[in-house]
C-alpha cells in the first residue's frame, strides 16, 4: 500500500489538478513526498539485517497477540497501519476489536471486528490507533480492557502534526519487539526509514532463542543413537 502513494498522488494531480494533489499530499504527510518529486519505487537489495525478518517468519511461536481497538470515525490509514506493520513483520498476530461487530470509518468504510463482549478472545496487548486521548475510546471497549487487566495503548497519542500514521506504528513495533525488525519491516512495505525515531532492543531475541533451542534439540536428537550403536557393535 505505502509503495503506491507517490504514484497515486500523481494520478490525483492528472485527474484533479495540482492544487488538489497538493492538498491531499499535505493531509497525508507521507515522508519525502513533494508535488513535482519522483514517483519511481526505489529498488531494494538484500542486507544482512534481513535475517531478522527470516527468523520471525520461520519461528512464529510464542509471538504475542495484539488487539487493534477500532472506534467510530477512525481514519482509514490509522486503521491500516497496525495491521500492515505487524502482519508484515511476523512479530505479532493482530485481531480487530470494537464495541460492536462493525465500525464505520471516517469516510464511510464499514469494518468487521470482534465485538468486545466476546468471551473467548485472548490478547496480550490492546492498541487503539488514530486516537489522541483515552476519552475518545468507547467506554465499552475500555471496560472490556479493564476486566482483563489490559492497558489501553494509544500509539498515535501525542504524535506530532505532519507525521504519517505508519511512523507511530513502526515505533510501537520497535518498542515491543526491536529496532531491526521495525526497519526491515519498513523496507518490506517500501516505506521510508530516514525519518523514523525508534527506541527498543536492537535485535529480535524471541525467534533467535527459538532458533538456538531448535538447533540444540536437533543436535541432541542426532547424538542419541550413538551410544546404542556403540553397544550393538560391542
C-alpha atoms as a PDB file:
ATOM      1  CA  UNK A   1       0.000   0.000   0.000  1.00  0.00           C
ATOM      2  CA  UNK A   2       2.631   2.556   1.031  1.00  0.00           C
ATOM      3  CA  UNK A   3       4.753   1.972  -2.081  1.00  0.00           C
ATOM      4  CA  UNK A   4       1.963   3.318  -4.294  1.00  0.00           C
ATOM      5  CA  UNK A   5       1.380   6.649  -2.513  1.00  0.00           C
ATOM      6  CA  UNK A   6       3.609   8.725  -4.819  1.00  0.00           C
ATOM      7  CA  UNK A   7       2.017   7.257  -7.937  1.00  0.00           C
ATOM      8  CA  UNK A   8      -1.490   7.696  -6.539  1.00  0.00           C
ATOM      9  CA  UNK A   9      -0.850  11.359  -5.802  1.00  0.00           C
ATOM     10  CA  UNK A  10       0.499  11.867  -9.312  1.00  0.00           C
ATOM     11  CA  UNK A  11      -2.737  10.360 -10.632  1.00  0.00           C
ATOM     12  CA  UNK A  12      -4.699  12.785  -8.434  1.00  0.00           C
ATOM     13  CA  UNK A  13      -2.702  15.611  -9.992  1.00  0.00           C
ATOM     14  CA  UNK A  14      -3.534  14.405 -13.509  1.00  0.00           C
ATOM     15  CA  UNK A  15      -7.230  13.927 -12.788  1.00  0.00           C
ATOM     16  CA  UNK A  16      -7.999  16.785 -10.393  1.00  0.00           C
ATOM     17  CA  UNK A  17      -5.152  19.241 -10.801  1.00  0.00           C
ATOM     18  CA  UNK A  18      -2.012  20.223  -8.932  1.00  0.00           C
ATOM     19  CA  UNK A  19      -3.887  22.137  -6.241  1.00  0.00           C
ATOM     20  CA  UNK A  20      -5.929  19.111  -5.187  1.00  0.00           C
ATOM     21  CA  UNK A  21      -2.851  16.864  -5.272  1.00  0.00           C
ATOM     22  CA  UNK A  22      -1.028  19.356  -3.064  1.00  0.00           C
ATOM     23  CA  UNK A  23      -3.932  19.440  -0.598  1.00  0.00           C
ATOM     24  CA  UNK A  24      -4.193  15.654  -0.379  1.00  0.00           C
ATOM     25  CA  UNK A  25      -0.423  15.239  -0.163  1.00  0.00           C
ATOM     26  CA  UNK A  26      -0.157  17.703   2.703  1.00  0.00           C
ATOM     27  CA  UNK A  27      -3.014  15.977   4.523  1.00  0.00           C
ATOM     28  CA  UNK A  28      -1.298  12.598   4.143  1.00  0.00           C
ATOM     29  CA  UNK A  29       2.095  13.934   5.264  1.00  0.00           C
ATOM     30  CA  UNK A  30       3.831  10.995   3.584  1.00  0.00           C
ATOM     31  CA  UNK A  31       7.615  11.189   4.180  1.00  0.00           C
ATOM     32  CA  UNK A  32       9.596  12.577   1.271  1.00  0.00           C
ATOM     33  CA  UNK A  33       6.672  13.455  -0.972  1.00  0.00           C
ATOM     34  CA  UNK A  34       6.584  16.673  -2.954  1.00  0.00           C
ATOM     35  CA  UNK A  35       4.295  17.748  -5.763  1.00  0.00           C
ATOM     36  CA  UNK A  36       6.904  17.537  -8.507  1.00  0.00           C
ATOM     37  CA  UNK A  37       9.079  14.857  -6.929  1.00  0.00           C
ATOM     38  CA  UNK A  38       9.892  11.453  -8.469  1.00  0.00           C
ATOM     39  CA  UNK A  39       7.356   8.627  -8.451  1.00  0.00           C
ATOM     40  CA  UNK A  40       9.702   5.693  -9.085  1.00  0.00           C
ATOM     41  CA  UNK A  41       9.901   2.986  -6.411  1.00  0.00           C
ATOM     42  CA  UNK A  42      13.482   2.573  -5.221  1.00  0.00           C
ATOM     43  CA  UNK A  43      14.983  -0.856  -5.920  1.00  0.00           C
ATOM     44  CA  UNK A  44      15.652  -2.862  -2.778  1.00  0.00           C
ATOM     45  CA  UNK A  45      18.682  -5.075  -2.188  1.00  0.00           C
ATOM     46  CA  UNK A  46      19.302  -7.802   0.340  1.00  0.00           C
ATOM     47  CA  UNK A  47      21.097  -6.762   3.531  1.00  0.00           C
ATOM     48  CA  UNK A  48      22.365  -8.839   6.498  1.00  0.00           C
ATOM     49  CA  UNK A  49      19.797  -7.365   8.899  1.00  0.00           C
ATOM     50  CA  UNK A  50      17.049  -9.072   6.883  1.00  0.00           C
ATOM     51  CA  UNK A  51      17.993 -12.255   8.743  1.00  0.00           C
ATOM     52  CA  UNK A  52      15.746 -10.834  11.485  1.00  0.00           C
ATOM     53  CA  UNK A  53      12.825 -10.932   9.044  1.00  0.00           C
ATOM     54  CA  UNK A  54      13.589 -14.536   8.107  1.00  0.00           C
ATOM     55  CA  UNK A  55      13.818 -15.591  11.747  1.00  0.00           C
ATOM     56  CA  UNK A  56      10.457 -14.022  12.578  1.00  0.00           C
ATOM     57  CA  UNK A  57       8.809 -15.750   9.620  1.00  0.00           C
ATOM     58  CA  UNK A  58      10.313 -19.183  10.333  1.00  0.00           C
ATOM     59  CA  UNK A  59       9.814 -19.106  14.118  1.00  0.00           C
ATOM     60  CA  UNK A  60       6.373 -17.532  14.775  1.00  0.00           C
ATOM     61  CA  UNK A  61       5.781 -19.438  18.034  1.00  0.00           C
ATOM     62  CA  UNK A  62       5.252 -17.548  21.285  1.00  0.00           C
ATOM     63  CA  UNK A  63       4.600 -14.283  19.465  1.00  0.00           C
ATOM     64  CA  UNK A  64       2.048 -12.030  21.208  1.00  0.00           C
ATOM     65  CA  UNK A  65      -1.467 -11.309  20.028  1.00  0.00           C
ATOM     66  CA  UNK A  66      -2.166  -7.596  19.608  1.00  0.00           C
ATOM     67  CA  UNK A  67      -5.763  -6.464  19.765  1.00  0.00           C
ATOM     68  CA  UNK A  68      -6.379  -3.464  17.494  1.00  0.00           C
ATOM     69  CA  UNK A  69      -9.182  -1.447  19.041  1.00  0.00           C
ATOM     70  CA  UNK A  70     -11.392   0.273  16.466  1.00  0.00           C
ATOM     71  CA  UNK A  71     -13.535   3.309  17.236  1.00  0.00           C
ATOM     72  CA  UNK A  72     -16.238   5.027  15.213  1.00  0.00           C
ATOM     73  CA  UNK A  73     -14.916   7.602  12.760  1.00  0.00           C
ATOM     74  CA  UNK A  74     -11.305   6.417  12.829  1.00  0.00           C
ATOM     75  CA  UNK A  75      -9.133   7.285   9.821  1.00  0.00           C
ATOM     76  CA  UNK A  76      -8.562   4.566   7.267  1.00  0.00           C
ATOM     77  CA  UNK A  77      -4.772   4.970   7.235  1.00  0.00           C
ATOM     78  CA  UNK A  78      -4.626   4.808  11.028  1.00  0.00           C
ATOM     79  CA  UNK A  79      -6.530   1.511  10.887  1.00  0.00           C
ATOM     80  CA  UNK A  80      -4.347   0.097   8.117  1.00  0.00           C
ATOM     81  CA  UNK A  81      -1.067   0.911   9.868  1.00  0.00           C
ATOM     82  CA  UNK A  82      -1.091  -1.646  12.738  1.00  0.00           C
ATOM     83  CA  UNK A  83      -2.339  -4.485  10.546  1.00  0.00           C
ATOM     84  CA  UNK A  84       0.163  -3.737   7.788  1.00  0.00           C
ATOM     85  CA  UNK A  85       3.105  -3.285  10.143  1.00  0.00           C
ATOM     86  CA  UNK A  86       2.518  -6.217  12.481  1.00  0.00           C
ATOM     87  CA  UNK A  87       1.387  -8.654   9.775  1.00  0.00           C
ATOM     88  CA  UNK A  88       4.367  -7.799   7.587  1.00  0.00           C
ATOM     89  CA  UNK A  89       6.807  -8.094  10.486  1.00  0.00           C
ATOM     90  CA  UNK A  90       5.613 -11.552  11.669  1.00  0.00           C
ATOM     91  CA  UNK A  91       6.305 -10.193  15.172  1.00  0.00           C
ATOM     92  CA  UNK A  92       2.718 -10.428  16.402  1.00  0.00           C
ATOM     93  CA  UNK A  93      -0.734 -11.643  15.488  1.00  0.00           C
ATOM     94  CA  UNK A  94      -3.394  -8.941  15.137  1.00  0.00           C
ATOM     95  CA  UNK A  95      -7.102  -9.110  15.970  1.00  0.00           C
ATOM     96  CA  UNK A  96      -9.588  -6.269  15.301  1.00  0.00           C
ATOM     97  CA  UNK A  97     -11.735  -5.456  18.354  1.00  0.00           C
ATOM     98  CA  UNK A  98     -14.558  -2.941  18.727  1.00  0.00           C
ATOM     99  CA  UNK A  99     -17.505  -2.197  20.966  1.00  0.00           C
ATOM    100  CA  UNK A 100     -19.824  -3.623  18.289  1.00  0.00           C
ATOM    101  CA  UNK A 101     -19.384  -6.117  15.469  1.00  0.00           C
ATOM    102  CA  UNK A 102     -18.912  -3.333  12.876  1.00  0.00           C
ATOM    103  CA  UNK A 103     -17.262   0.085  12.839  1.00  0.00           C
ATOM    104  CA  UNK A 104     -17.661   2.890  10.302  1.00  0.00           C
ATOM    105  CA  UNK A 105     -14.501   4.777   9.403  1.00  0.00           C
ATOM    106  CA  UNK A 106     -14.108   8.495   8.760  1.00  0.00           C
ATOM    107  CA  UNK A 107     -15.058   8.189   5.078  1.00  0.00           C
ATOM    108  CA  UNK A 108     -17.833   5.612   5.426  1.00  0.00           C
ATOM    109  CA  UNK A 109     -15.968   2.314   5.142  1.00  0.00           C
ATOM    110  CA  UNK A 110     -17.610  -0.382   7.292  1.00  0.00           C
ATOM    111  CA  UNK A 111     -15.171  -2.710   9.041  1.00  0.00           C
ATOM    112  CA  UNK A 112     -15.978  -6.044  10.661  1.00  0.00           C
ATOM    113  CA  UNK A 113     -14.417  -6.573  14.100  1.00  0.00           C
ATOM    114  CA  UNK A 114     -14.596  -8.928  17.042  1.00  0.00           C
ATOM    115  CA  UNK A 115     -17.111  -7.402  19.489  1.00  0.00           C
ATOM    116  CA  UNK A 116     -15.667  -6.544  22.890  1.00  0.00           C
ATOM    117  CA  UNK A 117     -18.180  -8.767  24.665  1.00  0.00           C
ATOM    118  CA  UNK A 118     -16.745 -11.885  23.006  1.00  0.00           C
ATOM    119  CA  UNK A 119     -15.698 -14.102  25.893  1.00  0.00           C
ATOM    120  CA  UNK A 120     -13.200 -16.481  24.279  1.00  0.00           C
ATOM    121  CA  UNK A 121     -10.873 -13.825  22.901  1.00  0.00           C
ATOM    122  CA  UNK A 122      -7.410 -13.713  24.482  1.00  0.00           C
ATOM    123  CA  UNK A 123      -4.915 -10.960  23.670  1.00  0.00           C
ATOM    124  CA  UNK A 124      -1.671  -9.705  25.178  1.00  0.00           C
ATOM    125  CA  UNK A 125      -1.922  -6.022  24.270  1.00  0.00           C
ATOM    126  CA  UNK A 126      -4.632  -3.602  23.182  1.00  0.00           C
ATOM    127  CA  UNK A 127      -3.686  -0.699  20.909  1.00  0.00           C
ATOM    128  CA  UNK A 128      -6.235   1.837  19.681  1.00  0.00           C
ATOM    129  CA  UNK A 129      -4.932   3.629  16.553  1.00  0.00           C
ATOM    130  CA  UNK A 130      -5.967   7.077  15.393  1.00  0.00           C
ATOM    131  CA  UNK A 131      -6.962   8.238  18.874  1.00  0.00           C
ATOM    132  CA  UNK A 132      -5.223  11.065  20.694  1.00  0.00           C
ATOM    133  CA  UNK A 133      -6.829  10.772  24.135  1.00  0.00           C
ATOM    134  CA  UNK A 134      -8.338   7.978  26.197  1.00  0.00           C
ATOM    135  CA  UNK A 135     -11.656   9.879  26.354  1.00  0.00           C
ATOM    136  CA  UNK A 136     -12.142   9.200  22.632  1.00  0.00           C
ATOM    137  CA  UNK A 137     -12.260   5.426  23.184  1.00  0.00           C
ATOM    138  CA  UNK A 138     -15.691   3.794  23.555  1.00  0.00           C
ATOM    139  CA  UNK A 139     -16.442   3.140  27.221  1.00  0.00           C
ATOM    140  CA  UNK A 140     -17.457  -0.443  26.444  1.00  0.00           C
ATOM    141  CA  UNK A 141     -14.052  -1.119  24.939  1.00  0.00           C
ATOM    142  CA  UNK A 142     -12.388   0.489  27.957  1.00  0.00           C
ATOM    143  CA  UNK A 143     -14.442  -1.659  30.299  1.00  0.00           C
ATOM    144  CA  UNK A 144     -13.591  -4.807  28.356  1.00  0.00           C
ATOM    145  CA  UNK A 145      -9.880  -3.992  28.623  1.00  0.00           C
ATOM    146  CA  UNK A 146     -10.134  -3.184  32.338  1.00  0.00           C
ATOM    147  CA  UNK A 147     -11.846  -6.506  33.044  1.00  0.00           C
ATOM    148  CA  UNK A 148      -8.858  -8.278  31.505  1.00  0.00           C
ATOM    149  CA  UNK A 149      -6.185  -6.154  33.117  1.00  0.00           C
ATOM    150  CA  UNK A 150      -5.114  -4.675  29.792  1.00  0.00           C
ATOM    151  CA  UNK A 151      -3.669  -1.211  29.408  1.00  0.00           C
ATOM    152  CA  UNK A 152      -5.240   0.722  26.529  1.00  0.00           C
ATOM    153  CA  UNK A 153      -2.319   1.923  24.415  1.00  0.00           C
ATOM    154  CA  UNK A 154      -2.670   4.891  22.053  1.00  0.00           C
ATOM    155  CA  UNK A 155       0.198   4.716  19.525  1.00  0.00           C
ATOM    156  CA  UNK A 156      -0.941   7.939  17.842  1.00  0.00           C
ATOM    157  CA  UNK A 157      -1.393   9.794  21.131  1.00  0.00           C
ATOM    158  CA  UNK A 158       0.943  12.764  21.260  1.00  0.00           C
ATOM    159  CA  UNK A 159       2.006  12.242  17.651  1.00  0.00           C
ATOM    160  CA  UNK A 160       3.393  15.438  16.190  1.00  0.00           C
ATOM    161  CA  UNK A 161       1.417  17.123  13.444  1.00  0.00           C
ATOM    162  CA  UNK A 162       2.608  16.370   9.953  1.00  0.00           C
ATOM    163  CA  UNK A 163       3.632  12.765  10.683  1.00  0.00           C
ATOM    164  CA  UNK A 164       2.348   9.829   8.679  1.00  0.00           C
ATOM    165  CA  UNK A 165       0.495   7.243  10.777  1.00  0.00           C
ATOM    166  CA  UNK A 166       2.920   4.428   9.911  1.00  0.00           C
ATOM    167  CA  UNK A 167       5.703   6.210  11.830  1.00  0.00           C
ATOM    168  CA  UNK A 168       3.859   5.689  15.105  1.00  0.00           C
ATOM    169  CA  UNK A 169       3.196   2.006  14.456  1.00  0.00           C
ATOM    170  CA  UNK A 170       6.770   1.281  13.410  1.00  0.00           C
ATOM    171  CA  UNK A 171       7.865   2.996  16.613  1.00  0.00           C
ATOM    172  CA  UNK A 172       5.423   0.785  18.518  1.00  0.00           C
ATOM    173  CA  UNK A 173       6.864  -2.303  16.816  1.00  0.00           C
ATOM    174  CA  UNK A 174      10.416  -1.267  17.702  1.00  0.00           C
ATOM    175  CA  UNK A 175       9.483  -0.647  21.316  1.00  0.00           C
ATOM    176  CA  UNK A 176       7.756  -4.003  21.780  1.00  0.00           C
ATOM    177  CA  UNK A 177       9.932  -6.120  19.506  1.00  0.00           C
ATOM    178  CA  UNK A 178      13.141  -4.489  18.283  1.00  0.00           C
ATOM    179  CA  UNK A 179      14.542  -1.771  16.043  1.00  0.00           C
ATOM    180  CA  UNK A 180      15.964  -4.141  13.420  1.00  0.00           C
ATOM    181  CA  UNK A 181      12.569  -5.766  12.826  1.00  0.00           C
ATOM    182  CA  UNK A 182      10.947  -2.327  12.564  1.00  0.00           C
ATOM    183  CA  UNK A 183      13.421  -1.120   9.938  1.00  0.00           C
ATOM    184  CA  UNK A 184      13.311  -4.335   7.924  1.00  0.00           C
ATOM    185  CA  UNK A 185       9.502  -4.264   8.041  1.00  0.00           C
ATOM    186  CA  UNK A 186       9.507  -0.695   6.736  1.00  0.00           C
ATOM    187  CA  UNK A 187      11.787  -1.844   3.931  1.00  0.00           C
ATOM    188  CA  UNK A 188       9.477  -4.752   3.086  1.00  0.00           C
ATOM    189  CA  UNK A 189       6.479  -2.419   2.667  1.00  0.00           C
ATOM    190  CA  UNK A 190       8.557   0.142   0.724  1.00  0.00           C
ATOM    191  CA  UNK A 191       8.264   2.738   3.473  1.00  0.00           C
ATOM    192  CA  UNK A 192      10.974   5.395   4.114  1.00  0.00           C
ATOM    193  CA  UNK A 193      13.088   4.930   7.247  1.00  0.00           C
ATOM    194  CA  UNK A 194      15.212   8.088   7.373  1.00  0.00           C
ATOM    195  CA  UNK A 195      12.651  10.000   9.453  1.00  0.00           C
ATOM    196  CA  UNK A 196      11.930   7.215  11.947  1.00  0.00           C
ATOM    197  CA  UNK A 197      12.767   7.740  15.612  1.00  0.00           C
ATOM    198  CA  UNK A 198      12.962   4.258  17.105  1.00  0.00           C
ATOM    199  CA  UNK A 199      13.725   3.004  20.592  1.00  0.00           C
ATOM    200  CA  UNK A 200      13.890  -0.549  21.876  1.00  0.00           C
ATOM    201  CA  UNK A 201      16.026  -3.666  21.695  1.00  0.00           C
ATOM    202  CA  UNK A 202      18.453  -3.918  18.824  1.00  0.00           C
ATOM    203  CA  UNK A 203      17.638  -7.476  17.728  1.00  0.00           C
ATOM    204  CA  UNK A 204      14.650  -9.912  17.801  1.00  0.00           C
ATOM    205  CA  UNK A 205      15.637 -12.246  20.632  1.00  0.00           C
ATOM    206  CA  UNK A 206      12.455 -14.344  20.709  1.00  0.00           C
ATOM    207  CA  UNK A 207      12.938 -16.020  17.285  1.00  0.00           C
ATOM    208  CA  UNK A 208      16.705 -16.085  17.857  1.00  0.00           C
ATOM    209  CA  UNK A 209      16.200 -18.035  21.089  1.00  0.00           C
ATOM    210  CA  UNK A 210      13.786 -20.378  19.308  1.00  0.00           C
ATOM    211  CA  UNK A 211      16.402 -20.966  16.609  1.00  0.00           C
ATOM    212  CA  UNK A 212      19.008 -21.804  19.269  1.00  0.00           C
ATOM    213  CA  UNK A 213      16.622 -24.179  21.056  1.00  0.00           C
ATOM    214  CA  UNK A 214      15.680 -25.875  17.788  1.00  0.00           C
ATOM    215  CA  UNK A 215      19.323 -26.318  16.783  1.00  0.00           C
ATOM    216  CA  UNK A 216      20.217 -27.660  20.234  1.00  0.00           C
ATOM    217  CA  UNK A 217      17.336 -30.132  20.147  1.00  0.00           C
ATOM    218  CA  UNK A 218      18.255 -31.274  16.643  1.00  0.00           C
ATOM    219  CA  UNK A 219      21.884 -31.851  17.644  1.00  0.00           C
ATOM    220  CA  UNK A 220      20.783 -33.687  20.784  1.00  0.00           C
ATOM    221  CA  UNK A 221      18.447 -35.944  18.831  1.00  0.00           C
ATOM    222  CA  UNK A 222      21.180 -36.578  16.293  1.00  0.00           C
ATOM    223  CA  UNK A 223      23.554 -37.732  19.025  1.00  0.00           C
ATOM    224  CA  UNK A 224      21.050 -40.032  20.769  1.00  0.00           C
ATOM    225  CA  UNK A 225      21.597 -43.123  18.552  1.00  0.00           C
ATOM    226  CA  UNK A 226      25.367 -43.024  19.040  1.00  0.00           C
ATOM    227  CA  UNK A 227      25.591 -44.863  22.423  1.00  0.00           C
ATOM    228  CA  UNK A 228      23.142 -47.536  21.258  1.00  0.00           C
ATOM    229  CA  UNK A 229      25.158 -48.075  18.085  1.00  0.00           C
ATOM    230  CA  UNK A 230      28.357 -48.459  20.070  1.00  0.00           C
ATOM    231  CA  UNK A 231      26.718 -51.030  22.401  1.00  0.00           C
ATOM    232  CA  UNK A 232      25.476 -53.043  19.416  1.00  0.00           C
ATOM    233  CA  UNK A 233      28.953 -53.123  17.943  1.00  0.00           C
ATOM    234  CA  UNK A 234      30.335 -54.498  21.186  1.00  0.00           C
END
